Amino acid sequence: MDFEKRAPVGKLFRLDPDLSIPTLDGEIICSSGSCWSPDGRTLYFADTGRRAIYAYDYDPMTGRVLSRRLFASFETLRGFPDG
């Protein structure tokens, strides 16, 4: 992540049981706060630098993420998504 919160140099990773670390997504400014929906099929991930929370379709069998979409934008709100 970019500690200056300007450049999209960060990535979203997954730690696998064999200790490999595949990249799930990129172009992230300041990574923060991942969590899953109750059914485990949606991954939510905050990019504080972009002032946005994204949702991904998540496959719990493979650990793959697909279809990133904007879940919430803080562009017109005070504050930032964090944690």
Foldseek 3Di string as FASTA:
>chain_A
DAPVLDWFADFDWDQDPVRDIDTQGTRARAWADWDADPVRQKIWTFRQSQLFIWIWGADPVVRHTHDIDTPDHCPVPPDGDHD
